[in-house]
């Protein structure tokens, strides 16, 4: 069962007003052929009584970063408040990878939101055990960042060893087109209009 939160300590002599923590659920599916219904059922079966108006569902690929998911971003920025609870069925609902998940959880806990993930051994990420798990996530996230840096460095070294030039490829066709219009006597603004280019692009290729 979900614990009840009170607006006064247990030993307060004043009459306590019982307050039930607002619970939100975020459900994500990857394709339009899928629905979030099973996720909602699973969350409610665990005892989290989420009302329909606080269920946020969207269809978006798991490869998209959490804060680039439109409805999830709206949920964080405009709905969730301090002492609310956010429940998700699986950890990947909170981000695309370890780094993104860690960033999302830090953002939510920083806002005072209690985060619950039902596929983890410790569901409540705000508890002492949950915080320990977050430290483990942080270590994995740092490991992943280091791996990315290593792979990037290895890739650059391989390109150099093969004698290939680094950086953006030279846009020779654009240069030739701009130079041709210049030779015809067109102005830079007219060249940009005719070639459907930005004026900054035309200026960059004007005197090459």
C-alpha atoms as a PDB file:
ATOM      1  CA  UNK A   1       0.000   0.000   0.000  1.00  0.00           C
ATOM      2  CA  UNK A   2       1.072   3.588  -0.598  1.00  0.00           C
ATOM      3  CA  UNK A   3       2.016   5.409   2.626  1.00  0.00           C
ATOM      4  CA  UNK A   4      -0.073   8.434   3.579  1.00  0.00           C
ATOM      5  CA  UNK A   5       1.604  11.774   4.152  1.00  0.00           C
ATOM      6  CA  UNK A   6       0.433  14.206   6.828  1.00  0.00           C
ATOM      7  CA  UNK A   7       0.807  17.967   7.046  1.00  0.00           C
ATOM      8  CA  UNK A   8       1.847  17.774  10.729  1.00  0.00           C
ATOM      9  CA  UNK A   9       4.137  15.421  12.693  1.00  0.00           C
ATOM     10  CA  UNK A  10       2.594  12.489  14.537  1.00  0.00           C
ATOM     11  CA  UNK A  11       3.176  14.070  17.963  1.00  0.00           C
ATOM     12  CA  UNK A  12       1.655  17.420  16.985  1.00  0.00           C
ATOM     13  CA  UNK A  13      -1.130  18.380  19.388  1.00  0.00           C
ATOM     14  CA  UNK A  14      -3.089  20.078  16.617  1.00  0.00           C
ATOM     15  CA  UNK A  15      -5.605  18.093  14.654  1.00  0.00           C
ATOM     16  CA  UNK A  16      -3.866  16.595  11.663  1.00  0.00           C
ATOM     17  CA  UNK A  17      -5.279  16.947   8.174  1.00  0.00           C
ATOM     18  CA  UNK A  18      -4.603  13.838   6.167  1.00  0.00           C
ATOM     19  CA  UNK A  19      -3.053  14.421   2.768  1.00  0.00           C
ATOM     20  CA  UNK A  20      -2.659  11.786   0.079  1.00  0.00           C
ATOM     21  CA  UNK A  21       0.440  12.270  -2.052  1.00  0.00           C
ATOM     22  CA  UNK A  22      -0.368  13.074  -5.681  1.00  0.00           C
ATOM     23  CA  UNK A  23       0.689  10.144  -7.821  1.00  0.00           C
ATOM     24  CA  UNK A  24       1.502  10.448 -11.519  1.00  0.00           C
ATOM     25  CA  UNK A  25       2.320   7.649 -13.941  1.00  0.00           C
ATOM     26  CA  UNK A  26       4.343   7.988 -17.124  1.00  0.00           C
ATOM     27  CA  UNK A  27       3.874   5.321 -19.782  1.00  0.00           C
ATOM     28  CA  UNK A  28       5.714   5.109 -23.086  1.00  0.00           C
ATOM     29  CA  UNK A  29       5.173   2.896 -26.120  1.00  0.00           C
ATOM     30  CA  UNK A  30       7.330   2.789 -29.228  1.00  0.00           C
ATOM     31  CA  UNK A  31       4.743   2.334 -31.974  1.00  0.00           C
ATOM     32  CA  UNK A  32       1.178   3.376 -32.688  1.00  0.00           C
ATOM     33  CA  UNK A  33       0.190  -0.311 -32.712  1.00  0.00           C
ATOM     34  CA  UNK A  34       0.957  -0.509 -28.978  1.00  0.00           C
ATOM     35  CA  UNK A  35      -1.056   0.931 -26.100  1.00  0.00           C
ATOM     36  CA  UNK A  36      -0.093   1.928 -22.573  1.00  0.00           C
ATOM     37  CA  UNK A  37      -3.065   0.117 -21.042  1.00  0.00           C
ATOM     38  CA  UNK A  38      -1.044  -2.851 -19.763  1.00  0.00           C
ATOM     39  CA  UNK A  39       1.465  -0.517 -18.113  1.00  0.00           C
ATOM     40  CA  UNK A  40      -1.326   1.332 -16.307  1.00  0.00           C
ATOM     41  CA  UNK A  41      -2.863  -1.956 -15.140  1.00  0.00           C
ATOM     42  CA  UNK A  42       0.510  -3.193 -13.846  1.00  0.00           C
ATOM     43  CA  UNK A  43       1.118   0.046 -11.940  1.00  0.00           C
ATOM     44  CA  UNK A  44      -2.328  -0.066 -10.324  1.00  0.00           C
ATOM     45  CA  UNK A  45      -1.936  -3.739  -9.432  1.00  0.00           C
ATOM     46  CA  UNK A  46       1.134  -2.759  -7.405  1.00  0.00           C
ATOM     47  CA  UNK A  47      -1.115  -0.562  -5.261  1.00  0.00           C
ATOM     48  CA  UNK A  48      -0.495   2.829  -6.861  1.00  0.00           C
ATOM     49  CA  UNK A  49      -3.923   4.401  -7.258  1.00  0.00           C
ATOM     50  CA  UNK A  50      -3.267   6.745 -10.158  1.00  0.00           C
ATOM     51  CA  UNK A  51      -6.304   8.649 -11.400  1.00  0.00           C
ATOM     52  CA  UNK A  52      -6.775   8.889 -15.160  1.00  0.00           C
ATOM     53  CA  UNK A  53      -6.010  12.620 -15.308  1.00  0.00           C
ATOM     54  CA  UNK A  54      -2.536  11.959 -13.870  1.00  0.00           C
ATOM     55  CA  UNK A  55      -1.570   9.269 -16.359  1.00  0.00           C
ATOM     56  CA  UNK A  56       0.716  10.604 -19.089  1.00  0.00           C
ATOM     57  CA  UNK A  57       1.186   8.353 -22.117  1.00  0.00           C
ATOM     58  CA  UNK A  58       2.999   8.950 -25.370  1.00  0.00           C
ATOM     59  CA  UNK A  59       4.256   7.123 -28.424  1.00  0.00           C
ATOM     60  CA  UNK A  60       7.948   7.797 -28.893  1.00  0.00           C
ATOM     61  CA  UNK A  61      11.065   5.735 -29.531  1.00  0.00           C
ATOM     62  CA  UNK A  62      13.147   4.692 -26.546  1.00  0.00           C
ATOM     63  CA  UNK A  63      16.184   6.108 -28.356  1.00  0.00           C
ATOM     64  CA  UNK A  64      14.870   9.653 -27.811  1.00  0.00           C
ATOM     65  CA  UNK A  65      16.280  11.511 -24.803  1.00  0.00           C
ATOM     66  CA  UNK A  66      13.836  11.976 -21.926  1.00  0.00           C
ATOM     67  CA  UNK A  67      13.561  15.759 -22.150  1.00  0.00           C
ATOM     68  CA  UNK A  68      13.058  15.576 -25.919  1.00  0.00           C
ATOM     69  CA  UNK A  69       9.907  13.524 -25.376  1.00  0.00           C
ATOM     70  CA  UNK A  70       7.209  16.168 -25.654  1.00  0.00           C
ATOM     71  CA  UNK A  71       4.696  14.887 -23.093  1.00  0.00           C
ATOM     72  CA  UNK A  72       7.345  13.816 -20.594  1.00  0.00           C
ATOM     73  CA  UNK A  73       8.906  17.269 -20.773  1.00  0.00           C
ATOM     74  CA  UNK A  74       5.486  18.857 -20.175  1.00  0.00           C
ATOM     75  CA  UNK A  75       4.952  16.535 -17.208  1.00  0.00           C
ATOM     76  CA  UNK A  76       8.222  17.573 -15.572  1.00  0.00           C
ATOM     77  CA  UNK A  77       7.979  21.281 -16.322  1.00  0.00           C
ATOM     78  CA  UNK A  78       4.287  21.958 -15.777  1.00  0.00           C
ATOM     79  CA  UNK A  79       2.639  19.208 -13.721  1.00  0.00           C
ATOM     80  CA  UNK A  80       4.959  17.602 -11.198  1.00  0.00           C
ATOM     81  CA  UNK A  81       5.474  19.539  -7.976  1.00  0.00           C
ATOM     82  CA  UNK A  82       7.379  19.045  -4.748  1.00  0.00           C
ATOM     83  CA  UNK A  83       6.229  15.962  -2.778  1.00  0.00           C
ATOM     84  CA  UNK A  84       4.477  14.447  -5.798  1.00  0.00           C
ATOM     85  CA  UNK A  85       5.285  10.887  -6.829  1.00  0.00           C
ATOM     86  CA  UNK A  86       6.142   9.685 -10.329  1.00  0.00           C
ATOM     87  CA  UNK A  87       5.714   5.970 -11.031  1.00  0.00           C
ATOM     88  CA  UNK A  88       7.100   4.196 -14.088  1.00  0.00           C
ATOM     89  CA  UNK A  89       6.956   0.519 -14.935  1.00  0.00           C
ATOM     90  CA  UNK A  90      10.483   0.259 -16.336  1.00  0.00           C
ATOM     91  CA  UNK A  91      13.663   2.267 -16.013  1.00  0.00           C
ATOM     92  CA  UNK A  92      13.904   3.025 -19.744  1.00  0.00           C
ATOM     93  CA  UNK A  93      10.829   5.243 -19.375  1.00  0.00           C
ATOM     94  CA  UNK A  94      13.165   7.735 -17.673  1.00  0.00           C
ATOM     95  CA  UNK A  95      15.751   8.034 -20.440  1.00  0.00           C
ATOM     96  CA  UNK A  96      17.493   6.569 -23.462  1.00  0.00           C
ATOM     97  CA  UNK A  97      20.594   5.284 -21.631  1.00  0.00           C
ATOM     98  CA  UNK A  98      22.293   5.258 -18.223  1.00  0.00           C
ATOM     99  CA  UNK A  99      23.505   8.832 -18.604  1.00  0.00           C
ATOM    100  CA  UNK A 100      20.079  10.153 -19.575  1.00  0.00           C
ATOM    101  CA  UNK A 101      18.306   8.166 -16.839  1.00  0.00           C
ATOM    102  CA  UNK A 102      20.705   9.485 -14.205  1.00  0.00           C
ATOM    103  CA  UNK A 103      20.166  13.050 -15.398  1.00  0.00           C
ATOM    104  CA  UNK A 104      16.374  12.647 -15.333  1.00  0.00           C
ATOM    105  CA  UNK A 105      16.324  11.144 -11.842  1.00  0.00           C
ATOM    106  CA  UNK A 106      18.584  13.901 -10.517  1.00  0.00           C
ATOM    107  CA  UNK A 107      16.266  16.508 -12.045  1.00  0.00           C
ATOM    108  CA  UNK A 108      13.165  14.941 -10.507  1.00  0.00           C
ATOM    109  CA  UNK A 109      14.614  14.377  -7.037  1.00  0.00           C
ATOM    110  CA  UNK A 110      16.008  17.912  -7.148  1.00  0.00           C
ATOM    111  CA  UNK A 111      12.430  19.146  -7.579  1.00  0.00           C
ATOM    112  CA  UNK A 112      11.390  17.122  -4.545  1.00  0.00           C
ATOM    113  CA  UNK A 113       9.560  14.502  -6.609  1.00  0.00           C
ATOM    114  CA  UNK A 114       9.560  10.924  -5.334  1.00  0.00           C
ATOM    115  CA  UNK A 115      10.551   8.554  -8.155  1.00  0.00           C
ATOM    116  CA  UNK A 116       9.353   4.945  -8.192  1.00  0.00           C
ATOM    117  CA  UNK A 117      10.472   2.408 -10.795  1.00  0.00           C
ATOM    118  CA  UNK A 118       8.712  -0.943 -10.531  1.00  0.00           C
ATOM    119  CA  UNK A 119      11.246  -3.125 -12.385  1.00  0.00           C
ATOM    120  CA  UNK A 120      14.070  -2.442  -9.916  1.00  0.00           C
ATOM    121  CA  UNK A 121      14.880  -4.425  -6.758  1.00  0.00           C
ATOM    122  CA  UNK A 122      14.420  -1.147  -4.866  1.00  0.00           C
ATOM    123  CA  UNK A 123      11.422   0.591  -6.414  1.00  0.00           C
ATOM    124  CA  UNK A 124      11.593   3.791  -4.350  1.00  0.00           C
ATOM    125  CA  UNK A 125      14.592   5.702  -5.669  1.00  0.00           C
ATOM    126  CA  UNK A 126      14.124   8.305  -2.911  1.00  0.00           C
ATOM    127  CA  UNK A 127      14.809   5.808  -0.110  1.00  0.00           C
ATOM    128  CA  UNK A 128      18.247   5.124   1.393  1.00  0.00           C
ATOM    129  CA  UNK A 129      18.514   1.952  -0.685  1.00  0.00           C
ATOM    130  CA  UNK A 130      17.286   3.824  -3.733  1.00  0.00           C
ATOM    131  CA  UNK A 131      19.898   6.536  -3.257  1.00  0.00           C
ATOM    132  CA  UNK A 132      22.575   3.847  -3.042  1.00  0.00           C
ATOM    133  CA  UNK A 133      21.283   2.456  -6.314  1.00  0.00           C
ATOM    134  CA  UNK A 134      21.476   5.958  -7.803  1.00  0.00           C
ATOM    135  CA  UNK A 135      25.135   6.127  -6.805  1.00  0.00           C
ATOM    136  CA  UNK A 136      25.644   2.871  -8.689  1.00  0.00           C
ATOM    137  CA  UNK A 137      23.845   4.374 -11.690  1.00  0.00           C
ATOM    138  CA  UNK A 138      26.135   7.381 -11.455  1.00  0.00           C
ATOM    139  CA  UNK A 139      29.172   5.108 -11.570  1.00  0.00           C
ATOM    140  CA  UNK A 140      27.780   3.273 -14.597  1.00  0.00           C
ATOM    141  CA  UNK A 141      26.950   6.602 -16.266  1.00  0.00           C
ATOM    142  CA  UNK A 142      30.511   7.839 -15.738  1.00  0.00           C
ATOM    143  CA  UNK A 143      31.818   4.540 -17.112  1.00  0.00           C
ATOM    144  CA  UNK A 144      29.613   4.977 -20.180  1.00  0.00           C
ATOM    145  CA  UNK A 145      30.805   8.566 -20.696  1.00  0.00           C
ATOM    146  CA  UNK A 146      34.424   7.376 -20.537  1.00  0.00           C
ATOM    147  CA  UNK A 147      33.698   4.622 -23.049  1.00  0.00           C
ATOM    148  CA  UNK A 148      32.154   7.166 -25.429  1.00  0.00           C
ATOM    149  CA  UNK A 149      35.213   9.410 -25.116  1.00  0.00           C
ATOM    150  CA  UNK A 150      37.522   6.442 -25.731  1.00  0.00           C
ATOM    151  CA  UNK A 151      35.582   5.325 -28.814  1.00  0.00           C
ATOM    152  CA  UNK A 152      35.592   8.881 -30.175  1.00  0.00           C
ATOM    153  CA  UNK A 153      39.348   9.178 -29.652  1.00  0.00           C
ATOM    154  CA  UNK A 154      39.966   5.787 -31.258  1.00  0.00           C
ATOM    155  CA  UNK A 155      37.819   6.779 -34.233  1.00  0.00           C
ATOM    156  CA  UNK A 156      39.727  10.029 -34.753  1.00  0.00           C
ATOM    157  CA  UNK A 157      43.069   8.246 -34.526  1.00  0.00           C
ATOM    158  CA  UNK A 158      41.912   5.651 -37.062  1.00  0.00           C
ATOM    159  CA  UNK A 159      40.806   8.372 -39.488  1.00  0.00           C
ATOM    160  CA  UNK A 160      44.164  10.140 -39.138  1.00  0.00           C
ATOM    161  CA  UNK A 161      46.058   6.873 -39.660  1.00  0.00           C
ATOM    162  CA  UNK A 162      44.112   6.265 -42.871  1.00  0.00           C
ATOM    163  CA  UNK A 163      45.086   9.722 -44.092  1.00  0.00           C
ATOM    164  CA  UNK A 164      41.524  10.966 -44.270  1.00  0.00           C
ATOM    165  CA  UNK A 165      40.774  14.608 -43.606  1.00  0.00           C
ATOM    166  CA  UNK A 166      38.864  15.454 -40.433  1.00  0.00           C
ATOM    167  CA  UNK A 167      36.002  17.905 -40.257  1.00  0.00           C
ATOM    168  CA  UNK A 168      33.103  18.737 -42.524  1.00  0.00           C
ATOM    169  CA  UNK A 169      33.522  17.886 -46.219  1.00  0.00           C
ATOM    170  CA  UNK A 170      34.141  20.818 -48.518  1.00  0.00           C
ATOM    171  CA  UNK A 171      30.950  21.823 -50.322  1.00  0.00           C
ATOM    172  CA  UNK A 172      32.526  22.101 -53.780  1.00  0.00           C
ATOM    173  CA  UNK A 173      29.216  22.054 -55.639  1.00  0.00           C
ATOM    174  CA  UNK A 174      27.929  24.971 -53.571  1.00  0.00           C
ATOM    175  CA  UNK A 175      31.111  26.952 -54.195  1.00  0.00           C
ATOM    176  CA  UNK A 176      30.884  26.376 -57.948  1.00  0.00           C
ATOM    177  CA  UNK A 177      27.208  27.391 -58.020  1.00  0.00           C
ATOM    178  CA  UNK A 178      27.838  30.577 -56.050  1.00  0.00           C
ATOM    179  CA  UNK A 179      30.887  31.473 -58.152  1.00  0.00           C
ATOM    180  CA  UNK A 180      28.883  30.939 -61.349  1.00  0.00           C
ATOM    181  CA  UNK A 181      26.172  33.346 -60.234  1.00  0.00           C
ATOM    182  CA  UNK A 182      28.815  35.838 -59.148  1.00  0.00           C
ATOM    183  CA  UNK A 183      30.355  35.631 -62.645  1.00  0.00           C
ATOM    184  CA  UNK A 184      26.919  36.327 -64.119  1.00  0.00           C
ATOM    185  CA  UNK A 185      26.877  39.576 -62.173  1.00  0.00           C
ATOM    186  CA  UNK A 186      24.283  38.623 -59.560  1.00  0.00           C
ATOM    187  CA  UNK A 187      24.473  40.194 -56.127  1.00  0.00           C
ATOM    188  CA  UNK A 188      24.927  38.076 -53.026  1.00  0.00           C
ATOM    189  CA  UNK A 189      21.293  38.502 -51.983  1.00  0.00           C
ATOM    190  CA  UNK A 190      20.046  37.607 -55.479  1.00  0.00           C
ATOM    191  CA  UNK A 191      22.373  34.583 -55.574  1.00  0.00           C
ATOM    192  CA  UNK A 192      20.987  33.398 -52.243  1.00  0.00           C
ATOM    193  CA  UNK A 193      17.451  33.749 -53.591  1.00  0.00           C
ATOM    194  CA  UNK A 194      18.146  31.948 -56.878  1.00  0.00           C
ATOM    195  CA  UNK A 195      20.077  29.065 -55.302  1.00  0.00           C
ATOM    196  CA  UNK A 196      17.783  28.841 -52.272  1.00  0.00           C
ATOM    197  CA  UNK A 197      20.702  29.320 -49.893  1.00  0.00           C
ATOM    198  CA  UNK A 198      21.155  31.363 -46.766  1.00  0.00           C
ATOM    199  CA  UNK A 199      22.949  34.665 -47.242  1.00  0.00           C
ATOM    200  CA  UNK A 200      25.627  33.525 -44.773  1.00  0.00           C
ATOM    201  CA  UNK A 201      26.311  30.464 -46.949  1.00  0.00           C
ATOM    202  CA  UNK A 202      26.624  32.618 -50.064  1.00  0.00           C
ATOM    203  CA  UNK A 203      29.065  34.965 -48.329  1.00  0.00           C
ATOM    204  CA  UNK A 204      31.145  32.006 -47.165  1.00  0.00           C
ATOM    205  CA  UNK A 205      31.558  30.735 -50.739  1.00  0.00           C
ATOM    206  CA  UNK A 206      31.685  34.143 -52.485  1.00  0.00           C
ATOM    207  CA  UNK A 207      35.460  34.620 -52.601  1.00  0.00           C
ATOM    208  CA  UNK A 208      36.714  31.026 -52.541  1.00  0.00           C
END
